[in-house]
Protein backbone atom coordinates (compact mmCIF):
# COMPACT_ATOMS: atom_id res chain seq x y z
CA MET A 1 0.18 -0.08 -0.11
CA THR A 2 1.43 3.26 -0.43
CA ARG A 3 1.23 6.74 1.54
CA LEU A 4 -2.94 8.08 1.16
CA ALA A 5 -3.60 11.86 2.18
CA VAL A 6 -7.61 11.61 2.72
CA LEU A 7 -9.28 14.36 2.85
CA ALA A 8 -12.86 14.44 3.83
CA ASP A 9 -15.36 16.83 3.87
CA VAL A 10 -14.02 19.76 1.85
CA HIS A 11 -17.23 21.37 1.59
CA GLY A 12 -16.09 23.91 -0.72
CA VAL A 13 -13.76 25.90 1.18
CA MET A 14 -10.66 27.07 -0.33
CA PRO A 15 -8.78 28.60 1.92
CA ALA A 16 -9.30 24.82 4.30
CA LEU A 17 -8.28 22.98 1.26
CA GLU A 18 -5.11 25.14 0.11
CA ALA A 19 -4.18 24.53 3.90
CA VAL A 20 -4.13 20.73 4.17
CA LEU A 21 -2.16 20.66 0.62
CA ALA A 22 0.39 22.67 1.70
CA GLU A 23 1.05 19.88 4.17
CA LYS A 24 4.78 18.31 3.75
CA ASP A 25 2.78 15.03 4.19
CA VAL A 26 0.53 15.59 1.54
CA ARG A 27 2.80 17.26 -0.97
CA ALA A 28 4.86 13.95 -0.71
CA ALA A 29 1.61 11.84 -0.32
CA HIS A 30 1.35 9.02 -3.65
CA THR A 31 -2.23 9.73 -3.58
CA VAL A 32 -4.54 11.95 -2.10
CA VAL A 33 -8.19 10.64 -1.73
CA VAL A 34 -11.15 12.91 -1.73
CA ALA A 35 -13.84 10.94 0.53
CA GLY A 36 -17.09 12.81 -0.07
CA ASP A 37 -19.01 15.79 -0.02
CA VAL A 38 -16.63 18.42 -2.09
CA VAL A 39 -18.48 21.04 -3.51
CA SER A 40 -21.28 21.81 -1.17
CA GLY A 41 -20.25 25.24 0.07
CA PRO A 42 -19.23 28.50 -0.62
CA GLN A 43 -16.83 27.85 -3.59
CA PRO A 44 -17.87 25.13 -5.31
CA ARG A 45 -16.22 25.91 -8.63
CA GLU A 46 -12.44 27.13 -6.94
CA VAL A 47 -12.80 23.47 -5.19
CA PHE A 48 -13.55 21.42 -7.88
CA ASP A 49 -10.70 23.01 -10.36
CA ARG A 50 -8.01 22.69 -7.95
CA LEU A 51 -8.72 19.53 -7.09
CA LYS A 52 -9.61 18.19 -10.78
CA ALA A 53 -6.31 20.08 -11.60
CA MET A 54 -3.80 18.10 -9.74
CA GLY A 55 -4.69 14.97 -11.84
CA ASP A 56 -4.33 11.46 -11.27
CA ARG A 57 -2.83 12.02 -8.43
CA VAL A 58 -6.30 12.56 -6.92
CA VAL A 59 -8.73 9.90 -6.27
CA TRP A 60 -12.31 10.69 -5.92
CA VAL A 61 -15.44 8.99 -3.52
CA ARG A 62 -18.85 10.35 -4.25
CA GLY A 63 -20.52 11.75 -0.72
CA ASN A 64 -23.82 12.33 -0.44
CA ALA A 65 -23.69 15.84 -0.30
CA ASP A 66 -21.98 15.30 -3.89
CA ARG A 67 -24.96 12.86 -5.08
CA GLU A 68 -27.44 15.78 -3.89
CA ALA A 69 -25.40 18.87 -5.60
CA VAL A 70 -25.82 16.69 -8.91
CA ALA A 71 -29.37 16.14 -8.57
CA MET A 72 -29.83 19.23 -7.71
CA ALA A 73 -28.36 20.93 -10.82
CA ARG A 74 -30.33 18.88 -12.54
CA GLY A 75 -33.56 19.78 -11.38
CA THR A 76 -34.47 15.92 -10.40
CA PHE A 77 -33.50 16.63 -6.43
CA THR A 78 -36.74 16.03 -4.76
CA GLY A 79 -37.09 16.93 -0.61
CA GLU A 80 -35.90 19.77 1.42
CA ALA A 81 -32.45 20.62 0.84
CA PRO A 82 -29.95 20.05 4.01
CA ASP A 83 -29.22 23.29 4.14
CA PRO A 84 -29.24 26.99 2.14
CA VAL A 85 -25.63 26.92 0.30
CA SER A 86 -26.47 22.99 -1.92
CA PRO A 87 -28.68 24.34 -3.79
CA TRP A 88 -26.94 27.65 -4.24
CA ALA A 89 -23.37 25.28 -4.96
CA ALA A 90 -25.25 22.96 -7.34
CA GLY A 91 -26.15 25.71 -9.29
CA GLU A 92 -22.81 27.35 -9.42
CA LEU A 93 -21.38 23.90 -11.08
CA THR A 94 -20.58 23.47 -14.81
CA ALA A 95 -22.62 20.64 -16.89
CA ALA A 96 -18.84 19.24 -17.17
CA GLN A 97 -17.96 19.05 -13.73
CA VAL A 98 -21.92 17.92 -12.75
CA GLU A 99 -21.29 14.75 -14.88
CA TRP A 100 -17.97 14.14 -12.99
CA LEU A 101 -19.54 14.04 -9.89
CA ASP A 102 -22.28 11.72 -11.15
CA ASN A 103 -19.51 9.23 -12.09
CA LEU A 104 -17.73 8.86 -9.19
CA PRO A 105 -17.62 5.51 -7.14
CA THR A 106 -18.72 5.59 -3.44
CA THR A 107 -15.82 3.55 -2.32
CA VAL A 108 -12.10 3.31 -3.28
CA THR A 109 -9.62 0.45 -2.35
CA PHE A 110 -6.13 0.48 -2.21
CA GLY A 111 -5.11 -2.94 -0.84
CA ASP A 112 -6.15 -3.83 2.11
CA VAL A 113 -7.63 -0.28 2.68
CA LEU A 114 -11.37 0.76 1.53
CA VAL A 115 -12.36 4.49 1.25
CA CYS A 116 -15.66 5.77 1.28
CA HIS A 117 -17.59 8.79 2.58
CA ALA A 118 -20.18 7.39 5.65
CA THR A 119 -19.96 3.84 5.31
CA PRO A 120 -19.19 0.88 2.53
CA ARG A 121 -22.27 0.38 2.14
CA ASP A 122 -24.50 3.56 2.37
CA ASP A 123 -23.13 7.18 1.53
CA GLU A 124 -25.20 8.81 4.52
CA GLU A 125 -25.43 6.41 7.07
CA VAL A 126 -24.81 7.40 10.22
CA VAL A 127 -22.10 5.92 12.91
CA LEU A 128 -20.45 7.11 15.65
CA VAL A 129 -17.16 6.62 17.55
CA ASP A 130 -18.67 5.15 20.75
CA SER A 131 -21.81 3.38 18.83
CA PRO A 132 -22.08 0.35 19.96
CA ILE A 133 -19.92 -2.94 19.04
CA SER A 134 -22.88 -4.28 17.51
CA ARG A 135 -23.95 -1.95 14.95
CA TRP A 136 -20.74 -1.57 13.98
CA VAL A 137 -20.54 -5.13 13.16
CA ASP A 138 -23.35 -5.07 10.93
CA VAL A 139 -22.22 -1.59 8.67
CA LEU A 140 -19.35 -3.40 8.12
CA GLY A 141 -21.25 -7.58 7.54
CA GLY A 142 -20.36 -6.75 3.28
CA VAL A 143 -17.02 -5.44 3.76
CA PRO A 144 -14.51 -8.44 2.84
CA ASP A 145 -12.00 -9.98 4.90
CA SER A 146 -9.36 -8.65 3.24
CA ILE A 147 -9.98 -5.15 3.70
CA ARG A 148 -7.95 -4.48 7.59
CA THR A 149 -8.79 -0.61 7.29
CA VAL A 150 -11.72 1.40 6.70
CA VAL A 151 -11.63 5.49 6.17
CA CYS A 152 -14.35 7.47 6.53
CA GLY A 153 -15.61 10.41 6.98
CA HIS A 154 -19.68 12.84 6.99
CA THR A 155 -19.74 13.19 10.04
CA HIS A 156 -16.77 15.45 10.36
CA MET A 157 -15.18 13.97 13.95
CA PRO A 158 -12.02 12.17 13.08
CA PHE A 159 -11.77 9.30 15.04
CA VAL A 160 -9.53 6.09 14.93
CA ARG A 161 -11.34 2.85 16.71
CA GLN A 162 -11.04 -1.18 16.60
CA VAL A 163 -13.97 -3.20 15.33
CA ASP A 164 -13.48 -7.10 15.41
CA ARG A 165 -10.15 -6.77 14.85
CA ARG A 166 -10.57 -4.04 11.98
CA THR A 167 -9.16 -0.16 12.13
CA VAL A 168 -11.99 2.26 11.47
CA VAL A 169 -10.62 5.89 10.77
CA ASN A 170 -12.88 9.04 10.21
CA ALA A 171 -10.52 11.27 8.37
CA GLY A 172 -12.81 14.41 9.91
CA SER A 173 -13.79 17.05 7.94
CA VAL A 174 -11.45 20.12 5.44
CA GLY A 175 -13.82 22.40 5.41
CA MET A 176 -16.22 21.98 7.93
CA PRO A 177 -14.45 19.99 11.29
CA TYR A 178 -16.31 19.65 14.18
CA GLY A 179 -14.44 18.51 17.64
CA ALA A 180 -11.83 21.01 17.54
CA PRO A 181 -10.63 24.29 15.22
CA GLY A 182 -8.66 23.49 11.84
CA PRO A 183 -8.54 21.29 8.60
CA SER A 184 -8.80 17.31 10.09
CA TRP A 185 -7.82 14.72 7.62
CA ALA A 186 -5.69 11.56 8.09
CA LEU A 187 -2.29 9.97 6.63
CA VAL A 188 -2.62 6.56 6.32
CA THR A 189 0.83 4.43 5.60
CA PRO A 190 2.01 1.20 5.61
CA GLU A 191 2.93 1.86 9.30
CA GLY A 192 -0.51 2.79 10.05
CA VAL A 193 -2.70 5.83 10.48
CA GLN A 194 -2.33 9.33 11.56
CA LEU A 195 -4.89 11.80 12.33
CA ARG A 196 -3.73 15.56 11.34
CA ARG A 197 -5.08 18.86 11.64
CA SER A 198 -3.89 21.70 9.56
CA ALA A 199 -3.29 25.20 10.68
CA LEU A 200 -5.36 27.98 9.37
CA ASP A 201 -6.39 31.51 10.37
CA PRO A 202 -10.16 31.41 10.50
CA ALA A 203 -10.80 35.36 10.54
CA LYS A 204 -8.50 35.29 7.89
CA ALA A 205 -10.06 32.15 6.04
CA ALA A 206 -13.44 33.92 6.61
CA SER A 207 -12.42 37.32 5.20
CA GLN A 208 -10.92 35.42 2.17
CA ILE A 209 -14.66 33.62 1.46
CA VAL A 210 -16.50 36.72 2.27
CA GLN A 211 -14.17 38.45 -0.72
CA THR A 212 -14.22 36.32 -3.37
CA SER A 213 -17.58 33.71 -3.38
CA SER A 214 -20.77 35.32 -4.58
CA TYR A 215 -22.95 33.08 -1.79
CA PRO A 216 -25.26 35.14 -0.81
CA GLY A 217 -25.37 34.02 2.68
CA ARG A 218 -21.24 33.81 2.93
CA GLN A 219 -20.97 36.15 5.85
CA GLN A 220 -23.54 33.92 8.12
CA TRP A 221 -22.04 30.58 6.77
CA VAL A 222 -18.51 32.25 7.89
CA ASP A 223 -19.85 32.75 11.10
CA GLU A 224 -21.41 29.77 11.86
CA PHE A 225 -18.60 27.21 9.99
CA LEU A 226 -15.80 29.37 9.77
CA LEU A 227 -15.38 31.44 13.21
CA THR A 228 -17.48 28.69 15.45
CA ASN A 229 -16.16 25.77 15.96
CA TYR A 230 -18.82 23.00 17.18
CA SER A 231 -17.78 20.62 20.18
CA ASP A 232 -17.99 16.70 19.49
CA THR A 233 -20.29 16.65 22.88
CA GLU A 234 -22.32 19.32 20.65
CA ALA A 235 -21.97 17.18 17.35
CA LEU A 236 -22.12 13.61 18.87
CA ASP A 237 -25.42 14.95 20.68
CA ALA A 238 -26.45 16.43 16.99
CA PHE A 239 -25.75 13.22 15.62
CA ARG A 240 -27.13 10.61 18.48
CA ALA A 241 -30.84 10.12 16.99
CA ARG A 242 -29.69 9.50 13.27
CA ALA A 243 -26.85 6.91 14.27
CA GLU A 244 -29.29 4.54 15.96
CA GLY A 245 -30.77 2.91 13.22
């Protein structure tokens, strides 16, 4: 297995993405895996184009927000939008970008490592670090025995835990991290997994987004997600009901 830098949940935040891409270990990684929810945020085109310009070095996984963005862009989305920024971001995408997102895989494997967005079987399933082991065993029941490490995102909270002799990693979120400030990501090497956080000046990043994004609600967005950091306790409480499936 080669060295992988796993970046989940960028959510259209260019300053956070640039901070992570500038990290020495990300620059040195053979492959950068983008584990879903790439564009649904205040700078969707910029984030997409930055990652696409990196060519084959970036391996993309489709997340639930990417799937929803495709449906919104094509006018086939039903139900209530998850947040105000998602429909706007979907409308900013080009037809080629929408097509690219629509054709992404939901899982990718590198030797004995599988990367997905939420869980290997579902792009919006919620499982938490403290979910019962029986729930985890059920969620991972369809994963081949040859896969020894599963890396995901979706809940924006980084963790590493064991499930029946298998390692489960949540890379956290680049663009909307919960639990602690700063973009979070994971470095996966033959020696193991390391959870990382990158330094980011939230005030400077917020100012950049307000000045460059055309999203009408950009000031409110940066106030809530860049200038505020939700604790792990708050996030776990918010996700608890969805994790009881």
